[in-house]
Amino acid sequence: MQAILLNLLIIDSIVIVIATLLQPSKQQDALSALSGGATDLFGKSKSRGYEAFMEKVTVVLGVIFFGLSLVLVYLASH
């Protein structure tokens, strides 16, 4: 049981890295970085399309990773 869950955790880890690399970059100019990004706080628009899908995929994979980690810790302690 632990071996199966560990393999799933490793696969999930690899897929998280791939999903993170596939997300579109949000590069901004140096002036925005130096100003502290105040325009991002008030001017943030909601993600749409591919970007929103990739954000949801990354969140779901993160939750799965966290859940599998907790289950493996529980099984290892008993």
PDB file of N, CA and C in Angstrom:
ATOM      1  N   MET A   1       0.822  -1.189   0.000  1.00  0.00           N
ATOM      2  CA  MET A   1       0.000   0.000   0.000  1.00  0.00           C
ATOM      3  C   MET A   1       0.870   1.259   0.000  1.00  0.00           C
ATOM      4  N   GLN A   2       1.904   1.225   0.864  1.00  0.00           N
ATOM      5  CA  GLN A   2       2.788   2.384   0.930  1.00  0.00           C
ATOM      6  C   GLN A   2       3.548   2.580  -0.381  1.00  0.00           C
ATOM      7  N   ALA A   3       3.929   1.501  -1.009  1.00  0.00           N
ATOM      8  CA  ALA A   3       4.677   1.596  -2.264  1.00  0.00           C
ATOM      9  C   ALA A   3       3.820   2.232  -3.361  1.00  0.00           C
ATOM     10  N   ILE A   4       2.549   1.844  -3.413  1.00  0.00           N
ATOM     11  CA  ILE A   4       1.639   2.412  -4.413  1.00  0.00           C
ATOM     12  C   ILE A   4       1.458   3.904  -4.164  1.00  0.00           C
ATOM     13  N   LEU A   5       1.216   4.274  -2.906  1.00  0.00           N
ATOM     14  CA  LEU A   5       1.030   5.692  -2.584  1.00  0.00           C
ATOM     15  C   LEU A   5       2.296   6.493  -2.823  1.00  0.00           C
ATOM     16  N   LEU A   6       3.444   5.898  -2.534  1.00  0.00           N
ATOM     17  CA  LEU A   6       4.706   6.589  -2.780  1.00  0.00           C
ATOM     18  C   LEU A   6       4.924   6.815  -4.273  1.00  0.00           C
ATOM     19  N   ASN A   7       4.594   5.817  -5.076  1.00  0.00           N
ATOM     20  CA  ASN A   7       4.697   5.980  -6.529  1.00  0.00           C
ATOM     21  C   ASN A   7       3.750   7.059  -7.034  1.00  0.00           C
ATOM     22  N   LEU A   8       2.525   7.090  -6.495  1.00  0.00           N
ATOM     23  CA  LEU A   8       1.576   8.146  -6.873  1.00  0.00           C
ATOM     24  C   LEU A   8       2.090   9.525  -6.471  1.00  0.00           C
ATOM     25  N   LEU A   9       2.736   9.615  -5.321  1.00  0.00           N
ATOM     26  CA  LEU A   9       3.297  10.882  -4.857  1.00  0.00           C
ATOM     27  C   LEU A   9       4.421  11.349  -5.778  1.00  0.00           C
ATOM     28  N   ILE A  10       5.260  10.428  -6.206  1.00  0.00           N
ATOM     29  CA  ILE A  10       6.346  10.781  -7.117  1.00  0.00           C
ATOM     30  C   ILE A  10       5.799  11.233  -8.469  1.00  0.00           C
ATOM     31  N   ILE A  11       4.808  10.517  -8.977  1.00  0.00           N
ATOM     32  CA  ILE A  11       4.187  10.902 -10.252  1.00  0.00           C
ATOM     33  C   ILE A  11       3.527  12.266 -10.128  1.00  0.00           C
ATOM     34  N   ASP A  12       2.826  12.498  -9.019  1.00  0.00           N
ATOM     35  CA  ASP A  12       2.179  13.788  -8.788  1.00  0.00           C
ATOM     36  C   ASP A  12       3.213  14.907  -8.716  1.00  0.00           C
ATOM     37  N   SER A  13       4.345  14.638  -8.092  1.00  0.00           N
ATOM     38  CA  SER A  13       5.403  15.647  -7.992  1.00  0.00           C
ATOM     39  C   SER A  13       5.923  16.037  -9.371  1.00  0.00           C
ATOM     40  N   ILE A  14       6.128  15.048 -10.212  1.00  0.00           N
ATOM     41  CA  ILE A  14       6.619  15.311 -11.565  1.00  0.00           C
ATOM     42  C   ILE A  14       5.588  16.104 -12.363  1.00  0.00           C
ATOM     43  N   VAL A  15       4.319  15.733 -12.231  1.00  0.00           N
ATOM     44  CA  VAL A  15       3.260  16.436 -12.967  1.00  0.00           C
ATOM     45  C   VAL A  15       3.099  17.867 -12.463  1.00  0.00           C
ATOM     46  N   ILE A  16       3.297  18.108 -11.164  1.00  0.00           N
ATOM     47  CA  ILE A  16       3.242  19.475 -10.628  1.00  0.00           C
ATOM     48  C   ILE A  16       4.334  20.329 -11.261  1.00  0.00           C
ATOM     49  N   VAL A  17       5.527  19.784 -11.364  1.00  0.00           N
ATOM     50  CA  VAL A  17       6.634  20.536 -11.974  1.00  0.00           C
ATOM     51  C   VAL A  17       6.315  20.853 -13.432  1.00  0.00           C
ATOM     52  N   ILE A  18       5.790  19.879 -14.166  1.00  0.00           N
ATOM     53  CA  ILE A  18       5.444  20.096 -15.572  1.00  0.00           C
ATOM     54  C   ILE A  18       4.331  21.137 -15.697  1.00  0.00           C
ATOM     55  N   ALA A  19       3.296  21.041 -14.845  1.00  0.00           N
ATOM     56  CA  ALA A  19       2.191  21.998 -14.902  1.00  0.00           C
ATOM     57  C   ALA A  19       2.664  23.400 -14.559  1.00  0.00           C
ATOM     58  N   THR A  20       3.594  23.512 -13.627  1.00  0.00           N
ATOM     59  CA  THR A  20       4.117  24.824 -13.270  1.00  0.00           C
ATOM     60  C   THR A  20       4.923  25.413 -14.422  1.00  0.00           C
ATOM     61  N   LEU A  21       5.690  24.593 -15.087  1.00  0.00           N
ATOM     62  CA  LEU A  21       6.478  25.083 -16.220  1.00  0.00           C
ATOM     63  C   LEU A  21       5.614  25.444 -17.422  1.00  0.00           C
ATOM     64  N   LEU A  22       4.451  24.827 -17.554  1.00  0.00           N
ATOM     65  CA  LEU A  22       3.561  25.117 -18.676  1.00  0.00           C
ATOM     66  C   LEU A  22       2.726  26.380 -18.479  1.00  0.00           C
ATOM     67  N   GLN A  23       2.719  26.922 -17.265  1.00  0.00           N
ATOM     68  CA  GLN A  23       1.925  28.120 -17.027  1.00  0.00           C
ATOM     69  C   GLN A  23       2.539  29.307 -17.761  1.00  0.00           C
ATOM     70  N   PRO A  24       1.679  30.175 -18.298  1.00  0.00           N
ATOM     71  CA  PRO A  24       2.207  31.352 -18.995  1.00  0.00           C
ATOM     72  C   PRO A  24       2.944  32.277 -18.023  1.00  0.00           C
ATOM     73  N   SER A  25       4.029  32.863 -18.503  1.00  0.00           N
ATOM     74  CA  SER A  25       4.823  33.736 -17.633  1.00  0.00           C
ATOM     75  C   SER A  25       4.119  35.071 -17.459  1.00  0.00           C
ATOM     76  N   LYS A  26       4.334  35.656 -16.303  1.00  0.00           N
ATOM     77  CA  LYS A  26       3.749  36.962 -15.992  1.00  0.00           C
ATOM     78  C   LYS A  26       4.882  37.957 -15.783  1.00  0.00           C
ATOM     79  N   GLN A  27       5.691  38.151 -16.817  1.00  0.00           N
ATOM     80  CA  GLN A  27       6.823  39.052 -16.710  1.00  0.00           C
ATOM     81  C   GLN A  27       6.336  40.488 -16.748  1.00  0.00           C
ATOM     82  N   GLN A  28       7.002  41.301 -15.938  1.00  0.00           N
ATOM     83  CA  GLN A  28       6.681  42.722 -15.910  1.00  0.00           C
ATOM     84  C   GLN A  28       7.972  43.500 -16.037  1.00  0.00           C
ATOM     85  N   ASP A  29       7.849  44.759 -16.347  1.00  0.00           N
ATOM     86  CA  ASP A  29       9.048  45.561 -16.513  1.00  0.00           C
ATOM     87  C   ASP A  29       9.712  45.852 -15.168  1.00  0.00           C
ATOM     88  N   ALA A  30      10.929  46.346 -15.224  1.00  0.00           N
ATOM     89  CA  ALA A  30      11.711  46.600 -14.014  1.00  0.00           C
ATOM     90  C   ALA A  30      11.086  47.691 -13.161  1.00  0.00           C
ATOM     91  N   LEU A  31      10.433  48.664 -13.780  1.00  0.00           N
ATOM     92  CA  LEU A  31       9.804  49.739 -13.017  1.00  0.00           C
ATOM     93  C   LEU A  31       8.713  49.205 -12.108  1.00  0.00           C
ATOM     94  N   SER A  32       7.945  48.261 -12.586  1.00  0.00           N
ATOM     95  CA  SER A  32       6.899  47.658 -11.766  1.00  0.00           C
ATOM     96  C   SER A  32       7.498  46.881 -10.600  1.00  0.00           C
ATOM     97  N   ALA A  33       8.606  46.222 -10.846  1.00  0.00           N
ATOM     98  CA  ALA A  33       9.252  45.468  -9.776  1.00  0.00           C
ATOM     99  C   ALA A  33       9.812  46.400  -8.714  1.00  0.00           C
ATOM    100  N   LEU A  34      10.333  47.541  -9.133  1.00  0.00           N
ATOM    101  CA  LEU A  34      10.911  48.488  -8.181  1.00  0.00           C
ATOM    102  C   LEU A  34       9.849  49.268  -7.415  1.00  0.00           C
ATOM    103  N   SER A  35       8.687  49.461  -8.022  1.00  0.00           N
ATOM    104  CA  SER A  35       7.634  50.228  -7.355  1.00  0.00           C
ATOM    105  C   SER A  35       6.855  49.394  -6.348  1.00  0.00           C
ATOM    106  N   GLY A  36       7.144  48.131  -6.253  1.00  0.00           N
ATOM    107  CA  GLY A  36       6.483  47.279  -5.282  1.00  0.00           C
ATOM    108  C   GLY A  36       5.242  46.606  -5.818  1.00  0.00           C
ATOM    109  N   GLY A  37       4.933  46.817  -7.070  1.00  0.00           N
ATOM    110  CA  GLY A  37       3.794  46.146  -7.680  1.00  0.00           C
ATOM    111  C   GLY A  37       2.450  46.649  -7.187  1.00  0.00           C
ATOM    112  N   ALA A  38       2.354  47.929  -6.853  1.00  0.00           N
ATOM    113  CA  ALA A  38       1.090  48.482  -6.369  1.00  0.00           C
ATOM    114  C   ALA A  38       0.007  48.413  -7.431  1.00  0.00           C
ATOM    115  N   THR A  39       0.398  48.472  -8.691  1.00  0.00           N
ATOM    116  CA  THR A  39      -0.609  48.392  -9.756  1.00  0.00           C
ATOM    117  C   THR A  39      -1.231  47.004  -9.817  1.00  0.00           C
ATOM    118  N   ASP A  40      -0.482  45.979  -9.407  1.00  0.00           N
ATOM    119  CA  ASP A  40      -1.031  44.624  -9.398  1.00  0.00           C
ATOM    120  C   ASP A  40      -2.126  44.471  -8.356  1.00  0.00           C
ATOM    121  N   LEU A  41      -2.009  45.198  -7.262  1.00  0.00           N
ATOM    122  CA  LEU A  41      -2.972  45.069  -6.183  1.00  0.00           C
ATOM    123  C   LEU A  41      -4.353  45.546  -6.607  1.00  0.00           C
ATOM    124  N   PHE A  42      -4.395  46.644  -7.338  1.00  0.00           N
ATOM    125  CA  PHE A  42      -5.683  47.230  -7.707  1.00  0.00           C
ATOM    126  C   PHE A  42      -6.093  46.911  -9.135  1.00  0.00           C
ATOM    127  N   GLY A  43      -5.168  46.532  -9.970  1.00  0.00           N
ATOM    128  CA  GLY A  43      -5.476  46.317 -11.380  1.00  0.00           C
ATOM    129  C   GLY A  43      -5.506  44.866 -11.786  1.00  0.00           C
ATOM    130  N   LYS A  44      -5.634  43.964 -10.837  1.00  0.00           N
ATOM    131  CA  LYS A  44      -5.607  42.539 -11.179  1.00  0.00           C
ATOM    132  C   LYS A  44      -6.910  42.145 -11.856  1.00  0.00           C
ATOM    133  N   SER A  45      -6.765  41.544 -13.022  1.00  0.00           N
ATOM    134  CA  SER A  45      -7.941  41.036 -13.720  1.00  0.00           C
ATOM    135  C   SER A  45      -8.005  39.527 -13.555  1.00  0.00           C
ATOM    136  N   LYS A  46      -9.179  38.983 -13.684  1.00  0.00           N
ATOM    137  CA  LYS A  46      -9.371  37.552 -13.497  1.00  0.00           C
ATOM    138  C   LYS A  46      -8.791  36.783 -14.679  1.00  0.00           C
ATOM    139  N   SER A  47      -8.120  35.693 -14.368  1.00  0.00           N
ATOM    140  CA  SER A  47      -7.523  34.856 -15.403  1.00  0.00           C
ATOM    141  C   SER A  47      -8.618  34.185 -16.221  1.00  0.00           C
ATOM    142  N   ARG A  48      -8.339  33.995 -17.511  1.00  0.00           N
ATOM    143  CA  ARG A  48      -9.308  33.354 -18.383  1.00  0.00           C
ATOM    144  C   ARG A  48      -8.604  32.343 -19.271  1.00  0.00           C
ATOM    145  N   GLY A  49      -9.353  31.379 -19.723  1.00  0.00           N
ATOM    146  CA  GLY A  49      -8.856  30.424 -20.692  1.00  0.00           C
ATOM    147  C   GLY A  49      -7.776  29.505 -20.165  1.00  0.00           C
ATOM    148  N   TYR A  50      -6.707  29.419 -20.934  1.00  0.00           N
ATOM    149  CA  TYR A  50      -5.617  28.495 -20.638  1.00  0.00           C
ATOM    150  C   TYR A  50      -4.964  28.794 -19.296  1.00  0.00           C
ATOM    151  N   GLU A  51      -4.770  30.073 -19.006  1.00  0.00           N
ATOM    152  CA  GLU A  51      -4.127  30.459 -17.743  1.00  0.00           C
ATOM    153  C   GLU A  51      -4.954  30.023 -16.540  1.00  0.00           C
ATOM    154  N   ALA A  52      -6.258  30.230 -16.600  1.00  0.00           N
ATOM    155  CA  ALA A  52      -7.133  29.822 -15.494  1.00  0.00           C
ATOM    156  C   ALA A  52      -7.145  28.302 -15.347  1.00  0.00           C
ATOM    157  N   PHE A  53      -7.164  27.600 -16.471  1.00  0.00           N
ATOM    158  CA  PHE A  53      -7.150  26.137 -16.428  1.00  0.00           C
ATOM    159  C   PHE A  53      -5.867  25.619 -15.785  1.00  0.00           C
ATOM    160  N   MET A  54      -4.735  26.184 -16.157  1.00  0.00           N
ATOM    161  CA  MET A  54      -3.463  25.731 -15.599  1.00  0.00           C
ATOM    162  C   MET A  54      -3.357  26.056 -14.110  1.00  0.00           C
ATOM    163  N   GLU A  55      -3.921  27.182 -13.684  1.00  0.00           N
ATOM    164  CA  GLU A  55      -3.924  27.504 -12.254  1.00  0.00           C
ATOM    165  C   GLU A  55      -4.745  26.483 -11.472  1.00  0.00           C
ATOM    166  N   LYS A  56      -5.903  26.106 -12.011  1.00  0.00           N
ATOM    167  CA  LYS A  56      -6.746  25.113 -11.338  1.00  0.00           C
ATOM    168  C   LYS A  56      -6.076  23.745 -11.294  1.00  0.00           C
ATOM    169  N   VAL A  57      -5.426  23.365 -12.384  1.00  0.00           N
ATOM    170  CA  VAL A  57      -4.721  22.079 -12.425  1.00  0.00           C
ATOM    171  C   VAL A  57      -3.621  22.052 -11.376  1.00  0.00           C
ATOM    172  N   THR A  58      -2.879  23.154 -11.253  1.00  0.00           N
ATOM    173  CA  THR A  58      -1.790  23.220 -10.284  1.00  0.00           C
ATOM    174  C   THR A  58      -2.318  23.141  -8.862  1.00  0.00           C
ATOM    175  N   VAL A  59      -3.432  23.807  -8.594  1.00  0.00           N
ATOM    176  CA  VAL A  59      -4.020  23.761  -7.251  1.00  0.00           C
ATOM    177  C   VAL A  59      -4.493  22.349  -6.923  1.00  0.00           C
ATOM    178  N   VAL A  60      -5.163  21.705  -7.857  1.00  0.00           N
ATOM    179  CA  VAL A  60      -5.653  20.344  -7.622  1.00  0.00           C
ATOM    180  C   VAL A  60      -4.490  19.387  -7.391  1.00  0.00           C
ATOM    181  N   LEU A  61      -3.446  19.512  -8.188  1.00  0.00           N
ATOM    182  CA  LEU A  61      -2.280  18.651  -8.003  1.00  0.00           C
ATOM    183  C   LEU A  61      -1.602  18.916  -6.661  1.00  0.00           C
ATOM    184  N   GLY A  62      -1.590  20.168  -6.225  1.00  0.00           N
ATOM    185  CA  GLY A  62      -1.024  20.491  -4.921  1.00  0.00           C
ATOM    186  C   GLY A  62      -1.820  19.882  -3.780  1.00  0.00           C
ATOM    187  N   VAL A  63      -3.134  19.914  -3.897  1.00  0.00           N
ATOM    188  CA  VAL A  63      -3.988  19.309  -2.866  1.00  0.00           C
ATOM    189  C   VAL A  63      -3.785  17.796  -2.830  1.00  0.00           C
ATOM    190  N   ILE A  64      -3.686  17.179  -3.998  1.00  0.00           N
ATOM    191  CA  ILE A  64      -3.430  15.742  -4.057  1.00  0.00           C
ATOM    192  C   ILE A  64      -2.080  15.417  -3.424  1.00  0.00           C
ATOM    193  N   PHE A  65      -1.064  16.227  -3.719  1.00  0.00           N
ATOM    194  CA  PHE A  65       0.268  16.027  -3.144  1.00  0.00           C
ATOM    195  C   PHE A  65       0.210  16.111  -1.627  1.00  0.00           C
ATOM    196  N   PHE A  66      -0.470  17.120  -1.114  1.00  0.00           N
ATOM    197  CA  PHE A  66      -0.584  17.305   0.329  1.00  0.00           C
ATOM    198  C   PHE A  66      -1.325  16.132   0.966  1.00  0.00           C
ATOM    199  N   GLY A  67      -2.421  15.700   0.350  1.00  0.00           N
ATOM    200  CA  GLY A  67      -3.188  14.569   0.881  1.00  0.00           C
ATOM    201  C   GLY A  67      -2.393  13.269   0.884  1.00  0.00           C
ATOM    202  N   LEU A  68      -1.704  12.998  -0.228  1.00  0.00           N
ATOM    203  CA  LEU A  68      -0.888  11.787  -0.283  1.00  0.00           C
ATOM    204  C   LEU A  68       0.234  11.831   0.751  1.00  0.00           C
ATOM    205  N   SER A  69       0.812  12.993   0.959  1.00  0.00           N
ATOM    206  CA  SER A  69       1.881  13.120   1.952  1.00  0.00           C
ATOM    207  C   SER A  69       1.357  12.820   3.355  1.00  0.00           C
ATOM    208  N   LEU A  70       0.189  13.357   3.679  1.00  0.00           N
ATOM    209  CA  LEU A  70      -0.398  13.104   4.996  1.00  0.00           C
ATOM    210  C   LEU A  70      -0.724  11.626   5.187  1.00  0.00           C
ATOM    211  N   VAL A  71      -1.269  10.997   4.170  1.00  0.00           N
ATOM    212  CA  VAL A  71      -1.603   9.568   4.261  1.00  0.00           C
ATOM    213  C   VAL A  71      -0.336   8.735   4.443  1.00  0.00           C
ATOM    214  N   LEU A  72       0.717   9.072   3.715  1.00  0.00           N
ATOM    215  CA  LEU A  72       1.962   8.325   3.858  1.00  0.00           C
ATOM    216  C   LEU A  72       2.578   8.510   5.241  1.00  0.00           C
ATOM    217  N   VAL A  73       2.501   9.692   5.796  1.00  0.00           N
ATOM    218  CA  VAL A  73       3.018   9.922   7.144  1.00  0.00           C
ATOM    219  C   VAL A  73       2.211   9.117   8.164  1.00  0.00           C
ATOM    220  N   TYR A  74       0.894   9.100   7.985  1.00  0.00           N
ATOM    221  CA  TYR A  74       0.029   8.337   8.883  1.00  0.00           C
ATOM    222  C   TYR A  74       0.359   6.853   8.814  1.00  0.00           C
ATOM    223  N   LEU A  75       0.500   6.327   7.587  1.00  0.00           N
ATOM    224  CA  LEU A  75       0.810   4.896   7.436  1.00  0.00           C
ATOM    225  C   LEU A  75       2.193   4.557   7.975  1.00  0.00           C
ATOM    226  N   ALA A  76       3.131   5.466   7.850  1.00  0.00           N
ATOM    227  CA  ALA A  76       4.483   5.199   8.347  1.00  0.00           C
ATOM    228  C   ALA A  76       4.534   5.207   9.886  1.00  0.00           C
ATOM    229  N   SER A  77       3.632   5.942  10.510  1.00  0.00           N
ATOM    230  CA  SER A  77       3.654   6.041  11.970  1.00  0.00           C
ATOM    231  C   SER A  77       2.901   4.891  12.638  1.00  0.00           C
ATOM    232  N   HIS A  78       2.147   4.133  11.871  1.00  0.00           N
ATOM    233  CA  HIS A  78       1.369   3.026  12.456  1.00  0.00           C
ATOM    234  C   HIS A  78       1.858   1.702  11.974  1.00  0.00           C
TER     235      HIS A  78
END
